[in-house]
């Protein structure tokens, strides 16, 4: 089964994950898009080291290129759709609480406006 990957959009039409991906160095960005393709192909079957369940409806795509680590939080609102909520460069062992909170706020906003 093929999955559709959507980018969360703010009320004013901005796509924070798209902007985040555009900010990555060229090779890191290429690795991120390779993993997004893998996510689109595997969906909920994608497991560690590429994807990990965080809590409730929140998942993370785990992107590592050389010594650079980034994460993209996402959720799955329907049987065939994945919504990318928030991306960041990871500099600590655990994902910072404020990054998780940003993803959760966007998830709730998406559910209010789009479902």
Protein backbone atom coordinates (compact mmCIF):
# COMPACT_ATOMS: atom_id res chain seq x y z
CA UNK A 1 0.00 0.00 0.00
CA UNK A 2 1.23 3.49 -0.79
CA UNK A 3 0.84 6.25 1.76
CA UNK A 4 0.24 9.94 1.11
CA UNK A 5 2.58 12.34 2.92
CA UNK A 6 1.12 15.77 3.68
CA UNK A 7 2.77 18.77 5.28
CA UNK A 8 1.03 20.50 8.16
CA UNK A 9 0.09 24.05 7.13
CA UNK A 10 -0.38 26.95 9.51
CA UNK A 11 -3.50 29.09 9.17
CA UNK A 12 -1.51 31.53 7.03
CA UNK A 13 -0.37 28.74 4.68
CA UNK A 14 3.20 28.19 5.89
CA UNK A 15 4.64 24.67 5.92
CA UNK A 16 7.10 24.50 8.83
CA UNK A 17 8.45 21.02 7.98
CA UNK A 18 9.02 21.98 4.36
CA UNK A 19 10.93 25.07 5.53
CA UNK A 20 12.93 22.91 7.96
CA UNK A 21 13.86 20.41 5.25
CA UNK A 22 14.89 23.24 2.92
CA UNK A 23 17.24 24.54 5.64
CA UNK A 24 19.21 21.27 5.87
CA UNK A 25 22.59 20.85 4.18
CA UNK A 26 22.31 19.19 0.76
CA UNK A 27 23.34 15.64 1.74
CA UNK A 28 21.37 15.70 4.99
CA UNK A 29 18.34 16.87 3.02
CA UNK A 30 18.82 14.06 0.52
CA UNK A 31 18.89 11.51 3.37
CA UNK A 32 15.74 13.09 4.86
CA UNK A 33 13.87 12.78 1.56
CA UNK A 34 15.10 9.20 1.17
CA UNK A 35 13.58 8.40 4.59
CA UNK A 36 10.36 10.23 3.71
CA UNK A 37 10.10 8.02 0.62
CA UNK A 38 10.65 5.00 2.86
CA UNK A 39 7.89 6.26 5.18
CA UNK A 40 5.55 6.73 2.20
CA UNK A 41 6.29 3.17 1.12
CA UNK A 42 6.09 1.43 4.51
CA UNK A 43 3.75 3.68 6.54
CA UNK A 44 2.91 2.20 9.92
CA UNK A 45 5.17 -0.79 9.19
CA UNK A 46 8.28 1.43 9.35
CA UNK A 47 10.11 0.80 12.63
CA UNK A 48 13.40 1.65 14.33
CA UNK A 49 15.96 2.78 13.43
CA UNK A 50 13.88 4.91 11.02
CA UNK A 51 10.68 5.58 12.96
CA UNK A 52 9.66 5.49 16.59
CA UNK A 53 6.39 5.96 18.44
CA UNK A 54 6.66 8.88 20.87
CA UNK A 55 3.28 9.03 22.62
CA UNK A 56 -0.41 8.83 21.80
CA UNK A 57 -0.73 9.69 18.09
CA UNK A 58 2.76 11.17 17.76
CA UNK A 59 5.59 9.43 15.89
CA UNK A 60 9.06 10.56 14.85
CA UNK A 61 11.07 9.97 11.71
CA UNK A 62 14.69 9.54 12.84
CA UNK A 63 17.13 10.99 10.32
CA UNK A 64 20.88 10.62 10.77
CA UNK A 65 23.50 11.76 8.31
CA UNK A 66 27.13 11.52 9.44
CA UNK A 67 27.15 13.22 12.85
CA UNK A 68 24.01 15.25 12.13
CA UNK A 69 20.74 14.06 13.65
CA UNK A 70 17.32 15.46 12.91
CA UNK A 71 13.77 14.44 13.70
CA UNK A 72 10.46 15.00 11.96
CA UNK A 73 7.35 14.42 14.07
CA UNK A 74 4.26 13.10 12.32
CA UNK A 75 0.89 11.49 12.91
CA UNK A 76 -1.44 9.25 10.95
CA UNK A 77 -4.97 10.69 10.70
CA UNK A 78 -6.34 8.13 8.22
CA UNK A 79 -5.46 4.67 6.93
CA UNK A 80 -3.47 6.08 4.03
CA UNK A 81 -2.28 9.54 5.12
CA UNK A 82 0.72 10.74 7.15
CA UNK A 83 0.97 14.39 8.22
CA UNK A 84 4.41 15.87 8.94
CA UNK A 85 4.07 18.26 11.87
CA UNK A 86 7.45 19.52 13.06
CA UNK A 87 11.14 19.10 12.30
CA UNK A 88 14.26 20.00 14.25
CA UNK A 89 17.97 19.29 14.63
CA UNK A 90 18.54 17.01 17.59
CA UNK A 91 21.41 18.00 19.89
CA UNK A 92 20.52 16.12 23.10
CA UNK A 93 20.00 12.44 23.94
CA UNK A 94 16.23 12.83 24.25
CA UNK A 95 13.94 14.94 22.14
CA UNK A 96 13.42 18.20 24.04
CA UNK A 97 9.99 18.66 25.63
CA UNK A 98 9.45 21.98 23.82
CA UNK A 99 9.92 20.26 20.43
CA UNK A 100 7.38 17.57 21.37
CA UNK A 101 4.96 20.26 22.60
CA UNK A 102 5.26 22.13 19.30
CA UNK A 103 4.35 18.94 17.42
CA UNK A 104 1.41 18.26 19.75
CA UNK A 105 0.04 21.79 19.27
CA UNK A 106 0.26 21.42 15.50
CA UNK A 107 -1.42 18.02 15.69
CA UNK A 108 -4.36 19.48 17.64
CA UNK A 109 -4.56 22.47 15.30
CA UNK A 110 -4.60 20.14 12.28
CA UNK A 111 -7.37 18.05 13.80
CA UNK A 112 -9.49 21.16 14.50
CA UNK A 113 -9.05 22.70 11.08
CA UNK A 114 -8.63 19.75 8.72
CA UNK A 115 -10.51 16.72 10.02
